[in-house]
N, C-alpha and C. Protein backbone atom coordinates (compact mmCIF):
# COMPACT_ATOMS: atom_id res chain seq x y z
N MET A 1 11.72 20.89 39.58
CA MET A 1 11.03 20.07 38.59
C MET A 1 10.58 18.96 39.09
N GLY A 2 11.46 18.18 40.17
CA GLY A 2 11.43 17.08 40.68
C GLY A 2 12.13 16.03 39.97
N GLU A 3 11.97 14.72 40.51
CA GLU A 3 12.89 13.30 40.36
C GLU A 3 12.11 13.19 38.97
N PRO A 4 12.76 12.34 38.15
CA PRO A 4 12.41 11.71 36.83
C PRO A 4 11.41 10.70 37.27
N PHE A 5 10.10 10.42 36.68
CA PHE A 5 9.37 9.57 36.69
C PHE A 5 9.73 7.84 36.24
N PHE A 6 10.30 8.14 35.30
CA PHE A 6 10.91 6.66 34.59
C PHE A 6 12.58 6.80 35.17
N GLU A 7 12.84 5.22 35.15
CA GLU A 7 14.18 5.07 35.05
C GLU A 7 14.79 5.34 33.65
N THR A 8 16.14 5.88 33.47
CA THR A 8 16.75 5.88 31.82
C THR A 8 17.69 4.86 31.94
N GLN A 9 17.70 4.02 30.86
CA GLN A 9 18.45 2.88 30.68
C GLN A 9 19.11 3.02 28.99
N VAL A 10 20.48 2.32 28.98
CA VAL A 10 21.05 2.58 28.04
C VAL A 10 20.90 1.16 27.24
N VAL A 11 20.11 1.06 26.15
CA VAL A 11 19.51 -0.08 25.48
C VAL A 11 20.51 -0.54 24.23
N PHE A 12 21.29 0.74 23.66
CA PHE A 12 21.99 0.38 22.64
C PHE A 12 23.17 1.44 22.76
N ASP A 13 24.72 0.98 23.22
CA ASP A 13 25.52 1.87 23.11
C ASP A 13 26.19 2.32 21.57
N GLY A 14 26.81 3.29 21.21
CA GLY A 14 27.53 3.68 20.03
C GLY A 14 27.46 5.14 19.99
N GLU A 15 28.34 5.38 18.93
CA GLU A 15 28.54 6.74 18.45
C GLU A 15 27.25 7.24 17.60
N GLY A 16 27.02 8.56 17.61
CA GLY A 16 26.17 9.26 16.83
C GLY A 16 25.05 9.75 17.30
N ASN A 17 24.48 10.86 16.75
CA ASN A 17 23.24 11.19 17.49
C ASN A 17 22.05 10.82 16.81
N VAL A 18 21.28 9.71 16.99
CA VAL A 18 20.38 9.30 16.27
C VAL A 18 18.92 9.31 16.78
N ARG A 19 18.20 9.32 16.33
CA ARG A 19 16.71 9.34 16.79
C ARG A 19 16.20 8.00 17.10
N GLU A 20 17.27 6.91 17.49
CA GLU A 20 16.56 5.66 17.30
C GLU A 20 16.88 5.24 18.90
N PRO A 21 16.57 4.23 19.80
CA PRO A 21 15.48 3.07 18.84
C PRO A 21 14.11 3.30 18.51
N TYR A 22 13.76 2.50 17.73
CA TYR A 22 12.41 2.55 17.57
C TYR A 22 11.60 1.41 18.08
N LEU A 23 10.43 1.64 18.86
CA LEU A 23 10.12 0.69 19.68
C LEU A 23 8.89 0.12 19.46
N ALA A 24 8.51 -1.09 19.90
CA ALA A 24 7.43 -1.68 19.62
C ALA A 24 6.85 -2.71 20.81
N ILE A 25 5.67 -2.92 21.08
CA ILE A 25 5.50 -4.25 22.43
C ILE A 25 4.64 -5.07 21.41
N ALA A 26 5.13 -6.32 21.74
CA ALA A 26 4.34 -7.42 20.87
C ALA A 26 3.20 -7.88 21.74
N VAL A 27 2.20 -8.72 20.98
CA VAL A 27 1.11 -8.87 22.04
C VAL A 27 1.55 -10.06 23.28
N ASP A 28 2.73 -10.41 23.21
CA ASP A 28 2.57 -11.12 24.58
C ASP A 28 3.70 -10.43 25.80
N GLY A 29 3.52 -8.96 25.17
CA GLY A 29 4.36 -7.86 26.00
C GLY A 29 5.56 -7.64 26.06
N THR A 30 6.49 -8.77 25.05
CA THR A 30 7.76 -8.33 24.94
C THR A 30 8.13 -7.18 24.30
N LEU A 31 9.02 -6.43 24.84
CA LEU A 31 9.19 -5.00 24.43
C LEU A 31 10.65 -5.28 23.07
N LEU A 32 10.60 -4.38 22.35
CA LEU A 32 11.44 -4.37 21.05
C LEU A 32 11.82 -2.85 20.91
N ALA A 33 12.97 -3.05 20.81
CA ALA A 33 14.05 -1.77 20.24
C ALA A 33 14.83 -2.11 19.12
N VAL A 34 14.60 -1.38 18.10
CA VAL A 34 15.60 -1.80 16.99
C VAL A 34 16.33 -0.18 16.69
N ARG A 35 17.65 -0.36 16.07
CA ARG A 35 18.43 0.70 15.90
C ARG A 35 19.02 -0.10 14.73
N ASN A 36 18.28 0.48 13.56
CA ASN A 36 18.32 -0.12 12.23
C ASN A 36 19.34 0.59 11.31
N ASN A 37 20.17 1.46 11.86
CA ASN A 37 21.28 2.08 11.04
C ASN A 37 22.44 1.18 11.47
N LYS A 38 22.38 0.31 12.45
CA LYS A 38 23.32 -0.92 12.85
C LYS A 38 22.71 -2.34 12.28
N LYS A 39 21.26 -2.33 12.15
CA LYS A 39 20.88 -3.75 11.83
C LYS A 39 20.62 -4.33 13.12
N HIS A 40 20.52 -3.51 14.51
CA HIS A 40 20.45 -4.51 15.37
C HIS A 40 18.96 -3.99 16.34
N LEU A 41 18.73 -5.43 16.99
CA LEU A 41 17.25 -5.31 17.80
C LEU A 41 17.42 -5.94 18.95
N ARG A 42 16.95 -5.31 20.21
CA ARG A 42 17.09 -5.71 21.58
C ARG A 42 15.71 -6.20 21.97
N ARG A 43 15.48 -7.22 22.61
CA ARG A 43 14.07 -7.72 23.23
C ARG A 43 14.25 -7.53 24.76
N SER A 44 13.08 -7.39 25.43
CA SER A 44 12.79 -7.67 26.84
C SER A 44 11.59 -8.25 27.10
N GLU A 45 11.53 -9.29 27.79
CA GLU A 45 10.61 -10.02 28.24
C GLU A 45 10.12 -9.53 29.81
N ASP A 46 10.66 -8.84 30.20
CA ASP A 46 10.04 -8.31 31.64
C ASP A 46 10.03 -6.81 31.72
N GLY A 47 9.55 -6.46 30.83
CA GLY A 47 9.01 -4.68 30.93
C GLY A 47 10.34 -3.78 30.63
N GLY A 48 11.34 -4.49 30.25
CA GLY A 48 12.59 -3.22 30.05
C GLY A 48 13.73 -3.39 31.22
N GLN A 49 13.33 -4.20 32.35
CA GLN A 49 14.30 -4.56 33.44
C GLN A 49 15.72 -4.83 32.98
N SER A 50 15.42 -6.03 31.66
CA SER A 50 16.83 -6.62 31.45
C SER A 50 16.71 -6.56 29.78
N TRP A 51 17.58 -6.53 29.27
CA TRP A 51 17.52 -6.93 27.74
C TRP A 51 18.10 -8.01 27.55
N GLU A 52 17.68 -9.17 26.28
CA GLU A 52 18.40 -9.98 25.51
C GLU A 52 19.64 -9.11 24.78
N GLU A 53 20.59 -10.18 24.36
CA GLU A 53 21.68 -9.75 23.51
C GLU A 53 20.86 -9.34 22.50
N ILE A 54 21.98 -8.50 21.35
CA ILE A 54 21.54 -7.82 20.36
C ILE A 54 21.21 -9.07 19.38
N ILE A 55 20.44 -8.91 18.35
CA ILE A 55 19.83 -9.79 17.41
C ILE A 55 20.20 -8.95 16.04
N ASP A 56 20.93 -9.43 15.10
CA ASP A 56 21.09 -8.91 13.83
C ASP A 56 19.93 -9.12 13.21
N VAL A 57 19.28 -7.93 12.64
CA VAL A 57 18.11 -7.79 11.75
C VAL A 57 18.32 -7.49 10.49
N PRO A 58 17.37 -7.82 9.48
CA PRO A 58 17.63 -7.22 8.46
C PRO A 58 16.97 -5.69 7.99
N ILE A 59 16.37 -5.23 8.96
CA ILE A 59 15.74 -4.16 9.08
C ILE A 59 16.90 -2.88 9.00
N THR A 60 17.13 -2.47 8.09
CA THR A 60 18.03 -1.02 7.82
C THR A 60 17.70 0.05 7.25
N HIS A 61 16.15 0.47 7.32
CA HIS A 61 15.96 2.09 6.49
C HIS A 61 15.53 2.79 7.62
N SER A 62 15.48 3.94 7.42
CA SER A 62 15.24 4.58 8.50
C SER A 62 13.82 4.92 8.51
N ASP A 63 13.34 5.63 9.64
CA ASP A 63 11.90 5.39 9.94
C ASP A 63 11.14 4.38 10.15
N SER A 64 11.77 3.25 10.83
CA SER A 64 11.41 1.82 10.63
C SER A 64 9.87 1.79 11.74
N ASN A 65 8.84 2.39 11.01
CA ASN A 65 7.58 1.99 12.05
C ASN A 65 7.33 0.59 11.94
N MET A 66 7.02 0.11 13.28
CA MET A 66 6.49 -1.42 13.61
C MET A 66 4.87 -1.21 13.81
N ILE A 67 4.32 -2.07 13.04
CA ILE A 67 2.97 -2.36 12.94
C ILE A 67 2.76 -3.78 13.91
N VAL A 68 2.04 -4.05 14.74
CA VAL A 68 1.90 -5.00 15.70
C VAL A 68 0.47 -5.27 15.35
N ASP A 69 0.05 -6.61 14.91
CA ASP A 69 -1.21 -7.33 14.71
C ASP A 69 -1.60 -7.86 15.49
N GLU A 70 -2.64 -7.42 16.56
CA GLU A 70 -3.17 -8.06 17.53
C GLU A 70 -4.07 -9.20 17.41
N ASN A 71 -4.16 -9.41 16.51
CA ASN A 71 -5.21 -11.10 15.86
C ASN A 71 -4.01 -11.75 15.90
N THR A 72 -2.85 -11.78 15.03
CA THR A 72 -2.12 -12.78 14.72
C THR A 72 -0.97 -12.80 15.75
N GLY A 73 -0.43 -11.46 16.16
CA GLY A 73 0.59 -11.56 16.86
C GLY A 73 1.84 -11.18 16.26
N ASP A 74 1.58 -10.93 14.54
CA ASP A 74 2.81 -10.51 13.64
C ASP A 74 3.32 -9.33 14.01
N ILE A 75 4.46 -8.88 13.75
CA ILE A 75 5.07 -7.36 13.88
C ILE A 75 5.37 -7.38 12.39
N MET A 76 5.12 -6.13 11.80
CA MET A 76 5.91 -5.65 10.55
C MET A 76 6.40 -4.29 10.54
N SER A 77 7.46 -4.23 9.90
CA SER A 77 8.23 -3.11 9.76
C SER A 77 8.10 -2.76 8.15
N VAL A 78 7.76 -1.77 7.92
CA VAL A 78 7.23 -1.05 6.48
C VAL A 78 8.16 -0.17 6.19
N ARG A 79 8.74 -0.26 4.85
CA ARG A 79 9.68 0.95 4.35
C ARG A 79 9.17 1.10 2.92
N MET A 80 8.48 2.46 2.86
CA MET A 80 8.30 2.74 1.51
C MET A 80 8.34 4.19 1.01
N TRP A 81 9.51 3.95 0.40
CA TRP A 81 10.17 5.10 -0.02
C TRP A 81 11.36 4.97 -1.34
N ASN A 82 11.73 5.80 -1.56
CA ASN A 82 13.20 5.53 -2.71
C ASN A 82 13.11 4.29 -3.36
N GLY A 83 12.15 4.03 -3.92
CA GLY A 83 11.84 2.89 -4.92
C GLY A 83 12.49 1.42 -4.43
N THR A 84 12.79 1.48 -2.96
CA THR A 84 12.90 -0.11 -2.45
C THR A 84 12.00 -0.14 -1.36
N ASP A 85 10.74 -0.40 -1.73
CA ASP A 85 9.68 -0.53 -0.89
C ASP A 85 9.85 -2.20 -0.36
N ARG A 86 10.01 -2.43 1.00
CA ARG A 86 10.09 -3.55 1.67
C ARG A 86 9.18 -3.65 2.74
N VAL A 87 8.72 -4.86 3.00
CA VAL A 87 8.11 -5.18 4.34
C VAL A 87 8.56 -6.31 5.24
N PHE A 88 9.04 -6.31 6.28
CA PHE A 88 9.75 -7.26 7.38
C PHE A 88 8.65 -7.84 8.07
N ARG A 89 8.60 -8.97 8.37
CA ARG A 89 7.73 -9.79 9.40
C ARG A 89 8.55 -10.60 10.13
N SER A 90 7.83 -10.40 11.46
CA SER A 90 8.39 -11.21 12.56
C SER A 90 7.18 -12.26 13.01
N THR A 91 7.09 -13.52 13.04
CA THR A 91 5.70 -14.29 13.61
C THR A 91 6.24 -14.94 14.79
N ASP A 92 7.50 -14.50 15.68
CA ASP A 92 7.72 -14.84 16.99
C ASP A 92 8.47 -13.88 17.59
N ASN A 93 7.75 -12.88 17.71
CA ASN A 93 7.63 -11.69 18.79
C ASN A 93 8.83 -11.17 18.77
N GLY A 94 9.62 -10.84 17.50
CA GLY A 94 10.60 -10.41 17.35
C GLY A 94 11.65 -10.93 17.14
N LYS A 95 11.92 -12.20 17.20
CA LYS A 95 13.41 -13.37 17.45
C LYS A 95 13.64 -13.49 15.90
N THR A 96 12.79 -13.72 14.84
CA THR A 96 13.39 -13.70 13.56
C THR A 96 12.42 -12.42 12.76
N TRP A 97 13.32 -12.33 11.73
CA TRP A 97 12.65 -11.22 10.64
C TRP A 97 12.62 -12.16 9.17
N THR A 98 11.64 -11.90 8.49
CA THR A 98 11.80 -12.27 6.78
C THR A 98 11.22 -11.06 6.12
N GLU A 99 11.84 -11.02 4.87
CA GLU A 99 11.40 -10.00 4.03
C GLU A 99 10.61 -10.37 3.06
N GLU A 100 9.30 -9.80 3.02
CA GLU A 100 8.13 -10.08 1.94
C GLU A 100 8.37 -9.44 0.87
N GLU A 101 8.01 -9.97 -0.17
CA GLU A 101 7.57 -9.13 -1.62
C GLU A 101 6.66 -8.43 -1.35
N ILE A 102 6.82 -7.13 -2.13
CA ILE A 102 5.50 -6.26 -2.25
C ILE A 102 5.70 -5.92 -3.77
N THR A 103 4.35 -5.23 -4.25
CA THR A 103 4.48 -4.69 -5.26
C THR A 103 3.86 -3.30 -5.50
N VAL A 104 4.86 -2.53 -6.27
CA VAL A 104 4.50 -1.23 -6.24
C VAL A 104 4.45 -0.74 -7.54
N LYS A 105 3.29 -0.01 -7.93
CA LYS A 105 3.15 0.29 -9.32
C LYS A 105 4.20 1.37 -9.75
N PRO A 106 4.83 1.24 -10.88
CA PRO A 106 6.06 1.83 -11.57
C PRO A 106 5.68 3.20 -11.69
N THR A 107 4.46 3.66 -11.98
CA THR A 107 4.10 5.02 -12.20
C THR A 107 2.92 5.57 -11.03
N MET A 108 2.93 6.77 -10.92
CA MET A 108 2.17 7.04 -9.62
C MET A 108 0.90 7.81 -10.42
N VAL A 109 -0.33 7.74 -9.88
CA VAL A 109 -1.65 8.48 -10.69
C VAL A 109 -2.33 8.99 -9.59
N GLU A 110 -2.76 10.05 -9.52
CA GLU A 110 -3.46 10.87 -8.25
C GLU A 110 -4.74 9.88 -8.16
N GLY A 111 -5.35 9.87 -6.90
CA GLY A 111 -6.64 9.30 -6.61
C GLY A 111 -6.36 8.06 -5.34
N SER A 112 -7.33 7.52 -5.22
CA SER A 112 -7.33 6.30 -4.24
C SER A 112 -7.70 4.81 -4.46
N GLU A 113 -7.47 4.08 -3.74
CA GLU A 113 -7.58 2.74 -4.16
C GLU A 113 -7.92 2.06 -2.75
N HIS A 114 -8.72 0.91 -2.73
CA HIS A 114 -8.59 0.43 -1.46
C HIS A 114 -9.00 -1.16 -1.47
N GLY A 115 -9.22 -1.92 -0.75
CA GLY A 115 -9.03 -3.09 -0.81
C GLY A 115 -9.14 -3.87 0.64
N ASP A 116 -9.22 -5.21 0.76
CA ASP A 116 -9.04 -6.03 1.81
C ASP A 116 -7.92 -6.96 1.56
N PHE A 117 -7.09 -7.26 2.82
CA PHE A 117 -6.00 -8.37 2.68
C PHE A 117 -6.17 -9.32 3.95
N ASP A 118 -6.03 -10.51 3.44
CA ASP A 118 -6.30 -11.48 4.26
C ASP A 118 -7.53 -11.72 5.25
N GLY A 119 -8.73 -10.88 4.58
CA GLY A 119 -10.03 -11.18 5.50
C GLY A 119 -9.50 -10.33 6.71
N THR A 120 -8.85 -9.75 7.05
CA THR A 120 -8.66 -9.35 8.50
C THR A 120 -8.51 -7.59 8.13
N TYR A 121 -7.61 -7.06 7.28
CA TYR A 121 -7.14 -5.98 7.36
C TYR A 121 -8.10 -5.17 5.89
N HIS A 122 -8.45 -3.93 6.13
CA HIS A 122 -9.13 -3.01 5.13
C HIS A 122 -7.86 -1.96 4.80
N TRP A 123 -7.53 -1.58 3.52
CA TRP A 123 -6.35 -0.61 3.19
C TRP A 123 -6.97 0.20 2.39
N GLN A 124 -6.50 1.35 2.42
CA GLN A 124 -6.64 2.53 1.62
C GLN A 124 -5.46 3.29 0.94
N VAL A 125 -5.17 3.48 -0.18
CA VAL A 125 -3.77 4.12 -0.29
C VAL A 125 -4.61 5.55 -1.39
N ASP A 126 -3.71 6.66 -0.62
CA ASP A 126 -4.03 7.90 -1.31
C ASP A 126 -2.99 8.39 -1.91
N VAL A 127 -3.20 8.79 -3.15
CA VAL A 127 -2.00 9.49 -3.83
C VAL A 127 -2.39 10.60 -4.21
N LYS A 128 -1.41 11.79 -4.20
CA LYS A 128 -1.57 13.36 -4.32
C LYS A 128 -0.37 13.85 -5.02
N ARG A 129 -0.56 14.40 -6.17
CA ARG A 129 0.58 15.06 -6.88
C ARG A 129 1.04 16.37 -6.06
N MET A 130 2.19 16.47 -5.99
CA MET A 130 2.67 17.72 -4.94
C MET A 130 3.16 18.84 -6.04
N ASP A 131 3.51 20.00 -5.94
CA ASP A 131 4.05 20.72 -6.75
C ASP A 131 5.55 21.22 -6.20
N LEU A 132 6.65 20.96 -7.17
CA LEU A 132 7.56 20.97 -6.85
C LEU A 132 7.87 22.89 -6.95
N LEU A 133 7.50 23.51 -7.40
CA LEU A 133 7.44 24.78 -7.50
C LEU A 133 6.57 25.72 -7.19
N PRO A 134 6.74 26.62 -6.26
CA PRO A 134 5.68 27.69 -5.95
C PRO A 134 4.64 28.14 -7.13
N ALA A 135 3.46 28.16 -6.54
CA ALA A 135 2.46 28.28 -7.83
C ALA A 135 2.55 29.77 -8.27
N ARG A 136 3.06 30.59 -7.36
CA ARG A 136 3.34 32.01 -7.76
C ARG A 136 4.23 32.46 -8.78
N ILE A 137 5.14 31.43 -8.91
CA ILE A 137 6.64 31.76 -9.77
C ILE A 137 6.04 31.05 -11.10
N GLU A 138 6.13 32.11 -12.15
CA GLU A 138 5.68 31.52 -13.57
C GLU A 138 7.13 31.13 -14.17
N THR A 139 7.25 30.23 -14.86
CA THR A 139 8.46 29.39 -15.50
C THR A 139 8.24 28.41 -16.45
N ASP A 140 9.10 28.61 -17.28
CA ASP A 140 8.90 27.20 -18.20
C ASP A 140 9.85 26.24 -17.84
N PHE A 141 10.41 26.33 -16.99
CA PHE A 141 11.17 25.03 -16.20
C PHE A 141 10.51 24.33 -16.18
N LYS A 142 10.65 22.72 -16.30
CA LYS A 142 10.09 21.69 -15.86
C LYS A 142 10.80 20.90 -14.87
N PRO A 143 10.71 20.24 -14.01
CA PRO A 143 11.55 19.68 -13.19
C PRO A 143 11.56 18.15 -13.50
N PRO A 144 12.80 17.57 -13.44
CA PRO A 144 12.97 16.42 -13.99
C PRO A 144 12.26 15.09 -13.59
N VAL A 145 11.77 15.38 -12.23
CA VAL A 145 10.56 14.39 -11.80
C VAL A 145 9.46 14.85 -11.09
N GLU A 146 8.28 14.22 -10.80
CA GLU A 146 7.48 14.83 -10.35
C GLU A 146 7.37 14.15 -8.54
N LEU A 147 6.77 14.91 -7.88
CA LEU A 147 6.58 14.06 -6.78
C LEU A 147 5.12 14.07 -6.42
N PHE A 148 5.10 12.88 -5.33
CA PHE A 148 4.02 12.28 -5.00
C PHE A 148 3.93 12.15 -3.48
N GLN A 149 2.97 12.42 -2.90
CA GLN A 149 2.83 12.46 -1.41
C GLN A 149 1.78 10.99 -1.38
N VAL A 150 2.18 9.98 -0.83
CA VAL A 150 1.21 8.42 -0.75
C VAL A 150 1.21 8.40 1.03
N LYS A 151 -0.14 8.37 1.13
CA LYS A 151 -0.80 7.81 2.85
C LYS A 151 -1.40 6.15 2.55
N VAL A 152 -0.74 5.40 3.30
CA VAL A 152 -1.54 4.16 3.20
C VAL A 152 -2.13 4.04 4.32
N HIS A 153 -3.56 3.78 4.40
CA HIS A 153 -4.35 3.62 5.93
C HIS A 153 -4.44 2.36 5.82
N VAL A 154 -4.35 1.58 7.00
CA VAL A 154 -4.40 0.40 7.54
C VAL A 154 -5.44 0.17 8.57
N LEU A 155 -6.72 -0.49 8.44
CA LEU A 155 -7.50 -0.72 9.31
C LEU A 155 -7.92 -2.07 9.69
N TRP A 156 -8.09 -2.39 10.93
CA TRP A 156 -8.14 -3.70 11.48
C TRP A 156 -9.01 -3.94 12.65
N LYS A 157 -9.99 -5.03 12.96
CA LYS A 157 -10.24 -4.92 14.45
C LYS A 157 -9.69 -5.67 15.17
N SER A 158 -9.61 -5.29 16.54
CA SER A 158 -8.86 -6.27 17.38
C SER A 158 -9.76 -6.41 18.86
N GLY A 159 -10.32 -7.90 18.39
CA GLY A 159 -11.33 -7.99 19.63
C GLY A 159 -12.75 -7.05 19.25
N THR A 160 -13.16 -6.17 19.88
CA THR A 160 -14.44 -5.50 19.54
C THR A 160 -13.80 -4.07 19.10
N LYS A 161 -12.44 -3.73 19.60
CA LYS A 161 -12.11 -2.51 19.08
C LYS A 161 -11.63 -2.30 17.76
N GLU A 162 -11.71 -1.11 17.14
CA GLU A 162 -11.27 -0.88 15.77
C GLU A 162 -9.76 -0.17 15.83
N ARG A 163 -8.62 -0.63 15.16
CA ARG A 163 -8.00 0.10 15.31
C ARG A 163 -7.51 0.37 13.82
N SER A 164 -6.08 1.47 13.77
CA SER A 164 -5.82 1.86 12.54
C SER A 164 -4.39 2.45 12.77
N THR A 165 -3.72 2.74 11.44
CA THR A 165 -2.51 3.22 11.51
C THR A 165 -2.19 4.04 10.02
N VAL A 166 -1.45 5.08 9.78
CA VAL A 166 -1.40 5.76 8.55
C VAL A 166 0.17 5.90 8.42
N LEU A 167 0.36 5.19 7.31
CA LEU A 167 2.13 5.61 6.88
C LEU A 167 2.19 6.69 5.84
N GLU A 168 2.83 7.69 6.05
CA GLU A 168 2.66 8.95 4.97
C GLU A 168 4.47 8.77 4.37
N THR A 169 4.55 8.98 3.15
CA THR A 169 5.68 8.96 2.64
C THR A 169 5.49 9.72 1.20
N TYR A 170 6.62 9.95 0.77
CA TYR A 170 6.83 10.73 -0.53
C TYR A 170 7.69 10.22 -1.61
N ARG A 171 7.25 10.15 -2.78
CA ARG A 171 7.92 9.48 -3.90
C ARG A 171 8.08 10.19 -5.03
N THR A 172 9.07 10.12 -5.79
CA THR A 172 9.73 10.72 -6.48
C THR A 172 9.70 9.94 -8.10
N ILE A 173 8.93 10.23 -8.98
CA ILE A 173 8.75 9.69 -10.04
C ILE A 173 9.73 10.27 -11.41
N LYS A 174 10.67 9.74 -12.32
CA LYS A 174 11.29 10.48 -12.86
C LYS A 174 10.61 10.30 -14.53
N LEU A 175 10.38 11.82 -14.85
CA LEU A 175 9.73 11.80 -16.10
C LEU A 175 10.32 11.21 -17.37
N GLU A 176 9.80 11.01 -18.36
CA GLU A 176 10.25 10.32 -19.44
C GLU A 176 11.11 11.60 -20.21
N GLU A 177 11.76 11.47 -21.28
CA GLU A 177 12.39 12.77 -21.86
C GLU A 177 11.23 13.43 -22.57
N GLU A 178 10.41 12.61 -23.46
CA GLU A 178 8.94 13.52 -24.08
C GLU A 178 8.17 14.41 -23.08
N GLU A 179 8.10 13.93 -21.75
CA GLU A 179 6.96 14.62 -20.67
C GLU A 179 7.51 15.97 -20.25
N LYS A 180 9.35 15.76 -20.17
CA LYS A 180 10.17 17.04 -19.65
C LYS A 180 9.95 18.10 -20.64
N THR A 181 10.06 17.71 -21.93
CA THR A 181 9.94 18.83 -23.26
C THR A 181 8.76 19.23 -23.55
N GLY A 182 7.50 18.21 -23.27
CA GLY A 182 6.14 18.53 -23.85
C GLY A 182 5.40 19.20 -22.93
């Protein structure tokens, strides 16, 4: 097969077989590696040749996708599931992070919404109700929750190029007592 093309490095020591770190490249070229189950982030300003000491960060959720805004340089980590939706933002290439308040509707309705944010981003949220029970099974049983697929599409321009990202998650909504029996 031949020799490996890339050099292998250990960025985080520790126990456990995890699918981390999550990676991003800041607009200044800084590499970021997040190990969120430990609340740790490491930065490299020389293309991964060396890594700064571990920084404690508030990012603690699984599947920490990072979005790099190529216009402002901001880096965002988004969590949208399990009723504790959060956005963390760094404005200094990952050195510090702040949590931003976001608003999520307490109920879910199938459909699509869209709008603009900050004059730079266009967003669209698509919500689709998912069946918890196979359609081929007839039953009077009503699950205690409804399951919704939520896709968040974010589009922006970076110079002359259009960029986009899609975050997909699932959300359960507990049914009120009368909905379960009705």
